[in-house]
Amino acid sequence: MRDMLRISDARMSGTSYGACVLHVAPESFIGGPLALVQDGDVIEIDVPNRRLSLRVDDAELARRKRLWRAPRPRYERGYGAMFARHITQANEGCDFDFLEGTASTPDPEIH
C-alpha cells in the first residue's frame, strides 16, 4: 500500500503523503468518537466540506457506547498521572486545566 488516510486523536510527526486528520476530540481514551470505531468500519471524509462521517448506524453506535469501558490509567502517580487527570483535549489546547483562568498575572516588582 502506497498511501492511506490517517485519523488520530494524538499528535503525529514524520508523516508524509496523503491526508491526515489529527486532534479528533474528545480523545478515545475518555470515550471520544474514535473509541467506537472498529476494524472494517467505513469512514467517509469530505475535505472541501470539512466533514468526517463514520458509516455505522445509530443503533450500533449506541450499543458500542453502552459496552465501552474506560481503560485503566497507565500511571497511578507522578507526572503521567497528573497529565492524565488534568490535561485538556486537543481542541482546547492540550494545557493543564489548573492553569486556565482569565485573571492576568501581574509583573513582579523589580528592586
N, C-alpha and C. Protein backbone atom coordinates (compact mmCIF):
# COMPACT_ATOMS: atom_id res chain seq x y z
N MET A 1 0.85 -1.17 0.00
CA MET A 1 0.00 0.00 0.00
C MET A 1 0.89 1.23 0.00
N ARG A 2 0.60 2.15 -0.88
CA ARG A 2 1.43 3.35 -1.01
C ARG A 2 0.96 4.48 -0.10
N ASP A 3 -0.34 4.58 0.13
CA ASP A 3 -0.84 5.70 0.89
C ASP A 3 -2.15 5.34 1.57
N MET A 4 -2.47 6.08 2.60
CA MET A 4 -3.73 5.87 3.30
C MET A 4 -4.10 7.15 4.05
N LEU A 5 -5.34 7.22 4.47
CA LEU A 5 -5.81 8.32 5.31
C LEU A 5 -5.51 7.94 6.75
N ARG A 6 -4.96 8.87 7.51
CA ARG A 6 -4.67 8.64 8.91
C ARG A 6 -5.56 9.54 9.75
N ILE A 7 -6.23 8.95 10.72
CA ILE A 7 -7.10 9.70 11.63
C ILE A 7 -6.62 9.42 13.04
N SER A 8 -6.39 10.48 13.82
CA SER A 8 -5.82 10.29 15.15
C SER A 8 -6.35 11.30 16.14
N ASP A 9 -6.38 10.89 17.41
CA ASP A 9 -6.70 11.83 18.48
C ASP A 9 -5.43 12.22 19.23
N ALA A 10 -4.29 11.99 18.59
CA ALA A 10 -2.99 12.28 19.21
C ALA A 10 -2.17 13.18 18.30
N ARG A 11 -0.98 13.47 18.72
CA ARG A 11 -0.05 14.22 17.89
C ARG A 11 0.68 13.24 16.98
N MET A 12 1.12 13.72 15.84
CA MET A 12 1.80 12.85 14.89
C MET A 12 2.94 13.65 14.26
N SER A 13 4.06 13.01 14.08
CA SER A 13 5.16 13.68 13.40
C SER A 13 5.77 12.72 12.40
N GLY A 14 6.45 13.26 11.42
CA GLY A 14 7.16 12.44 10.45
C GLY A 14 6.27 11.83 9.38
N THR A 15 5.05 12.32 9.23
CA THR A 15 4.18 11.76 8.20
C THR A 15 4.40 12.48 6.89
N SER A 16 4.19 11.76 5.82
CA SER A 16 4.24 12.37 4.50
C SER A 16 3.27 11.62 3.61
N TYR A 17 2.89 12.26 2.56
CA TYR A 17 1.92 11.72 1.60
C TYR A 17 0.51 11.72 2.18
N GLY A 18 -0.43 12.03 1.35
CA GLY A 18 -1.84 11.86 1.66
C GLY A 18 -2.37 12.73 2.78
N ALA A 19 -3.64 12.54 3.02
CA ALA A 19 -4.35 13.34 4.02
C ALA A 19 -4.17 12.78 5.41
N CYS A 20 -4.17 13.66 6.40
CA CYS A 20 -4.14 13.29 7.81
C CYS A 20 -5.25 14.07 8.50
N VAL A 21 -5.95 13.43 9.40
CA VAL A 21 -6.95 14.11 10.23
C VAL A 21 -6.46 13.93 11.66
N LEU A 22 -6.03 15.02 12.29
CA LEU A 22 -5.45 14.94 13.62
C LEU A 22 -6.29 15.69 14.63
N HIS A 23 -6.04 15.38 15.86
CA HIS A 23 -6.65 16.05 17.00
C HIS A 23 -8.16 15.84 17.06
N VAL A 24 -8.61 14.63 16.75
CA VAL A 24 -10.02 14.29 16.92
C VAL A 24 -10.31 14.38 18.42
N ALA A 25 -11.35 15.08 18.80
CA ALA A 25 -11.64 15.29 20.22
C ALA A 25 -13.14 15.14 20.47
N PRO A 26 -13.51 14.66 21.66
CA PRO A 26 -12.61 14.21 22.72
C PRO A 26 -11.90 12.91 22.34
N GLU A 27 -10.77 12.67 22.98
CA GLU A 27 -9.93 11.52 22.63
C GLU A 27 -10.60 10.20 22.99
N SER A 28 -10.15 9.14 22.35
CA SER A 28 -10.74 7.82 22.55
C SER A 28 -10.55 7.32 23.98
N PHE A 29 -9.49 7.71 24.64
CA PHE A 29 -9.20 7.25 26.00
C PHE A 29 -10.32 7.60 26.97
N ILE A 30 -11.04 8.69 26.70
CA ILE A 30 -12.15 9.06 27.58
C ILE A 30 -13.51 8.81 26.94
N GLY A 31 -13.52 8.02 25.88
CA GLY A 31 -14.79 7.65 25.24
C GLY A 31 -15.17 8.50 24.06
N GLY A 32 -14.21 9.22 23.50
CA GLY A 32 -14.48 10.04 22.32
C GLY A 32 -14.83 9.18 21.11
N PRO A 33 -15.10 9.80 19.99
CA PRO A 33 -15.61 9.09 18.82
C PRO A 33 -14.72 7.96 18.32
N LEU A 34 -13.41 8.10 18.39
CA LEU A 34 -12.53 7.04 17.90
C LEU A 34 -12.60 5.78 18.76
N ALA A 35 -13.07 5.90 20.00
CA ALA A 35 -13.20 4.73 20.87
C ALA A 35 -14.24 3.75 20.33
N LEU A 36 -15.17 4.23 19.51
CA LEU A 36 -16.25 3.38 19.00
C LEU A 36 -15.95 2.77 17.64
N VAL A 37 -14.88 3.20 16.99
CA VAL A 37 -14.53 2.69 15.66
C VAL A 37 -13.96 1.28 15.80
N GLN A 38 -14.38 0.39 14.90
CA GLN A 38 -13.89 -0.98 14.90
C GLN A 38 -13.33 -1.32 13.53
N ASP A 39 -12.48 -2.36 13.50
CA ASP A 39 -11.93 -2.83 12.22
C ASP A 39 -13.07 -3.09 11.25
N GLY A 40 -12.90 -2.64 10.03
CA GLY A 40 -13.90 -2.88 8.99
C GLY A 40 -14.92 -1.76 8.84
N ASP A 41 -14.99 -0.84 9.80
CA ASP A 41 -15.91 0.29 9.68
C ASP A 41 -15.50 1.17 8.51
N VAL A 42 -16.49 1.74 7.86
CA VAL A 42 -16.23 2.67 6.76
C VAL A 42 -16.29 4.09 7.31
N ILE A 43 -15.24 4.86 7.02
CA ILE A 43 -15.19 6.27 7.40
C ILE A 43 -15.11 7.08 6.12
N GLU A 44 -16.04 8.00 5.96
CA GLU A 44 -16.09 8.85 4.77
C GLU A 44 -15.56 10.22 5.14
N ILE A 45 -14.69 10.75 4.29
CA ILE A 45 -14.17 12.09 4.52
C ILE A 45 -14.47 12.97 3.31
N ASP A 46 -14.97 14.14 3.59
CA ASP A 46 -15.29 15.14 2.56
C ASP A 46 -14.45 16.36 2.90
N VAL A 47 -13.26 16.45 2.33
CA VAL A 47 -12.31 17.50 2.69
C VAL A 47 -12.84 18.90 2.37
N PRO A 48 -13.38 19.15 1.15
CA PRO A 48 -13.84 20.52 0.86
C PRO A 48 -14.93 21.01 1.83
N ASN A 49 -15.77 20.10 2.31
CA ASN A 49 -16.84 20.49 3.23
C ASN A 49 -16.48 20.25 4.69
N ARG A 50 -15.21 19.84 4.95
CA ARG A 50 -14.71 19.64 6.31
C ARG A 50 -15.64 18.71 7.12
N ARG A 51 -15.97 17.56 6.52
CA ARG A 51 -16.88 16.62 7.17
C ARG A 51 -16.25 15.23 7.22
N LEU A 52 -16.39 14.59 8.36
CA LEU A 52 -15.89 13.24 8.59
C LEU A 52 -17.06 12.43 9.13
N SER A 53 -17.39 11.31 8.48
CA SER A 53 -18.57 10.54 8.87
C SER A 53 -18.21 9.07 9.07
N LEU A 54 -18.58 8.54 10.22
CA LEU A 54 -18.45 7.12 10.49
C LEU A 54 -19.73 6.46 10.00
N ARG A 55 -19.61 5.59 9.01
CA ARG A 55 -20.78 4.98 8.37
C ARG A 55 -21.23 3.73 9.14
N VAL A 56 -21.68 3.97 10.37
CA VAL A 56 -22.22 2.93 11.24
C VAL A 56 -23.55 3.47 11.77
N ASP A 57 -24.60 2.65 11.73
CA ASP A 57 -25.92 3.17 12.13
C ASP A 57 -25.97 3.51 13.62
N ASP A 58 -26.92 4.39 13.95
CA ASP A 58 -27.03 4.93 15.31
C ASP A 58 -27.25 3.84 16.36
N ALA A 59 -28.03 2.82 16.04
CA ALA A 59 -28.29 1.74 17.00
C ALA A 59 -27.00 0.99 17.34
N GLU A 60 -26.18 0.73 16.32
CA GLU A 60 -24.91 0.03 16.56
C GLU A 60 -23.95 0.91 17.36
N LEU A 61 -23.92 2.20 17.07
CA LEU A 61 -23.06 3.11 17.84
C LEU A 61 -23.52 3.18 19.29
N ALA A 62 -24.82 3.20 19.51
CA ALA A 62 -25.36 3.22 20.88
C ALA A 62 -24.97 1.94 21.61
N ARG A 63 -25.02 0.80 20.93
CA ARG A 63 -24.63 -0.48 21.53
C ARG A 63 -23.15 -0.46 21.91
N ARG A 64 -22.32 0.04 21.01
CA ARG A 64 -20.88 0.11 21.29
C ARG A 64 -20.60 1.03 22.46
N LYS A 65 -21.32 2.15 22.52
CA LYS A 65 -21.12 3.11 23.61
C LYS A 65 -21.50 2.48 24.95
N ARG A 66 -22.59 1.72 24.98
CA ARG A 66 -23.00 1.04 26.22
C ARG A 66 -21.95 0.04 26.69
N LEU A 67 -21.32 -0.64 25.75
CA LEU A 67 -20.34 -1.67 26.08
C LEU A 67 -18.94 -1.11 26.35
N TRP A 68 -18.69 0.14 25.96
CA TRP A 68 -17.36 0.72 26.11
C TRP A 68 -17.00 0.89 27.58
N ARG A 69 -15.79 0.56 27.92
CA ARG A 69 -15.26 0.77 29.27
C ARG A 69 -13.95 1.53 29.16
N ALA A 70 -13.78 2.49 30.02
CA ALA A 70 -12.54 3.27 30.02
C ALA A 70 -11.37 2.37 30.38
N PRO A 71 -10.24 2.55 29.69
CA PRO A 71 -9.05 1.78 30.06
C PRO A 71 -8.53 2.20 31.43
N ARG A 72 -7.83 1.30 32.08
CA ARG A 72 -7.23 1.64 33.36
C ARG A 72 -6.15 2.70 33.15
N PRO A 73 -6.01 3.62 34.08
CA PRO A 73 -4.94 4.60 33.95
C PRO A 73 -3.58 3.90 33.90
N ARG A 74 -2.71 4.41 33.07
CA ARG A 74 -1.39 3.82 32.91
C ARG A 74 -0.49 4.14 34.09
N TYR A 75 -0.68 5.32 34.67
CA TYR A 75 0.15 5.76 35.79
C TYR A 75 -0.74 6.08 36.97
N GLU A 76 -0.29 5.69 38.15
CA GLU A 76 -1.05 5.97 39.37
C GLU A 76 -0.55 7.21 40.08
N ARG A 77 0.69 7.62 39.78
CA ARG A 77 1.26 8.78 40.45
C ARG A 77 2.28 9.44 39.53
N GLY A 78 2.77 10.58 39.96
CA GLY A 78 3.80 11.28 39.20
C GLY A 78 3.22 12.08 38.05
N TYR A 79 4.13 12.51 37.16
CA TYR A 79 3.74 13.38 36.05
C TYR A 79 2.70 12.72 35.14
N GLY A 80 2.87 11.43 34.85
CA GLY A 80 1.92 10.73 33.97
C GLY A 80 0.50 10.76 34.53
N ALA A 81 0.37 10.55 35.83
CA ALA A 81 -0.95 10.58 36.47
C ALA A 81 -1.53 12.00 36.45
N MET A 82 -0.69 12.98 36.74
CA MET A 82 -1.15 14.37 36.72
C MET A 82 -1.59 14.76 35.31
N PHE A 83 -0.83 14.37 34.32
CA PHE A 83 -1.17 14.67 32.94
C PHE A 83 -2.52 14.05 32.58
N ALA A 84 -2.71 12.77 32.90
CA ALA A 84 -3.95 12.07 32.55
C ALA A 84 -5.17 12.71 33.22
N ARG A 85 -5.00 13.18 34.43
CA ARG A 85 -6.13 13.76 35.17
C ARG A 85 -6.44 15.19 34.76
N HIS A 86 -5.44 15.93 34.32
CA HIS A 86 -5.63 17.38 34.20
C HIS A 86 -5.41 17.99 32.82
N ILE A 87 -4.98 17.20 31.83
CA ILE A 87 -4.71 17.81 30.53
C ILE A 87 -6.03 18.01 29.77
N THR A 88 -6.17 19.12 29.08
CA THR A 88 -7.38 19.36 28.30
C THR A 88 -7.26 18.68 26.94
N GLN A 89 -8.36 18.57 26.24
CA GLN A 89 -8.40 17.93 24.94
C GLN A 89 -7.68 18.79 23.89
N ALA A 90 -7.34 18.16 22.77
CA ALA A 90 -6.56 18.85 21.72
C ALA A 90 -7.25 20.12 21.24
N ASN A 91 -8.56 20.08 21.08
CA ASN A 91 -9.26 21.26 20.59
C ASN A 91 -9.29 22.39 21.62
N GLU A 92 -8.89 22.08 22.86
CA GLU A 92 -8.84 23.10 23.91
C GLU A 92 -7.40 23.50 24.23
N GLY A 93 -6.44 22.99 23.46
CA GLY A 93 -5.06 23.42 23.60
C GLY A 93 -4.12 22.47 24.30
N CYS A 94 -4.59 21.32 24.79
CA CYS A 94 -3.71 20.36 25.49
C CYS A 94 -2.93 21.02 26.60
N ASP A 95 -3.60 21.83 27.38
CA ASP A 95 -2.97 22.52 28.50
C ASP A 95 -3.52 21.93 29.80
N PHE A 96 -2.84 22.15 30.89
CA PHE A 96 -3.36 21.70 32.17
C PHE A 96 -4.57 22.53 32.56
N ASP A 97 -5.63 21.88 33.00
CA ASP A 97 -6.85 22.60 33.37
C ASP A 97 -6.63 23.55 34.53
N PHE A 98 -5.69 23.24 35.42
CA PHE A 98 -5.46 24.11 36.58
C PHE A 98 -4.68 25.37 36.21
N LEU A 99 -4.23 25.47 34.96
CA LEU A 99 -3.54 26.68 34.51
C LEU A 99 -4.49 27.63 33.79
N GLU A 100 -5.72 27.19 33.58
CA GLU A 100 -6.70 28.04 32.90
C GLU A 100 -7.16 29.15 33.82
N GLY A 101 -7.56 30.22 33.24
CA GLY A 101 -8.07 31.34 34.01
C GLY A 101 -8.07 32.59 33.17
N THR A 102 -8.80 33.56 33.61
CA THR A 102 -8.89 34.80 32.86
C THR A 102 -8.16 35.94 33.55
N ALA A 103 -7.80 35.75 34.82
CA ALA A 103 -7.11 36.83 35.52
C ALA A 103 -5.68 36.94 35.02
N SER A 104 -5.25 38.18 34.84
CA SER A 104 -3.87 38.36 34.40
C SER A 104 -2.95 38.21 35.60
N THR A 105 -1.75 37.85 35.32
CA THR A 105 -0.73 37.72 36.36
C THR A 105 0.10 38.99 36.33
N PRO A 106 0.10 39.73 37.43
CA PRO A 106 0.87 40.98 37.43
C PRO A 106 2.37 40.71 37.36
N ASP A 107 3.07 41.64 36.73
CA ASP A 107 4.53 41.54 36.68
C ASP A 107 5.06 41.72 38.10
N PRO A 108 6.12 41.00 38.43
CA PRO A 108 6.70 41.17 39.77
C PRO A 108 7.38 42.53 39.88
N GLU A 109 7.47 43.03 41.10
CA GLU A 109 8.19 44.28 41.33
C GLU A 109 9.69 44.03 41.13
N ILE A 110 10.32 44.94 40.49
CA ILE A 110 11.77 44.83 40.29
C ILE A 110 12.43 45.81 41.22
N HIS A 111 13.34 45.33 42.05
CA HIS A 111 14.01 46.16 43.05
C HIS A 111 15.45 46.36 42.69
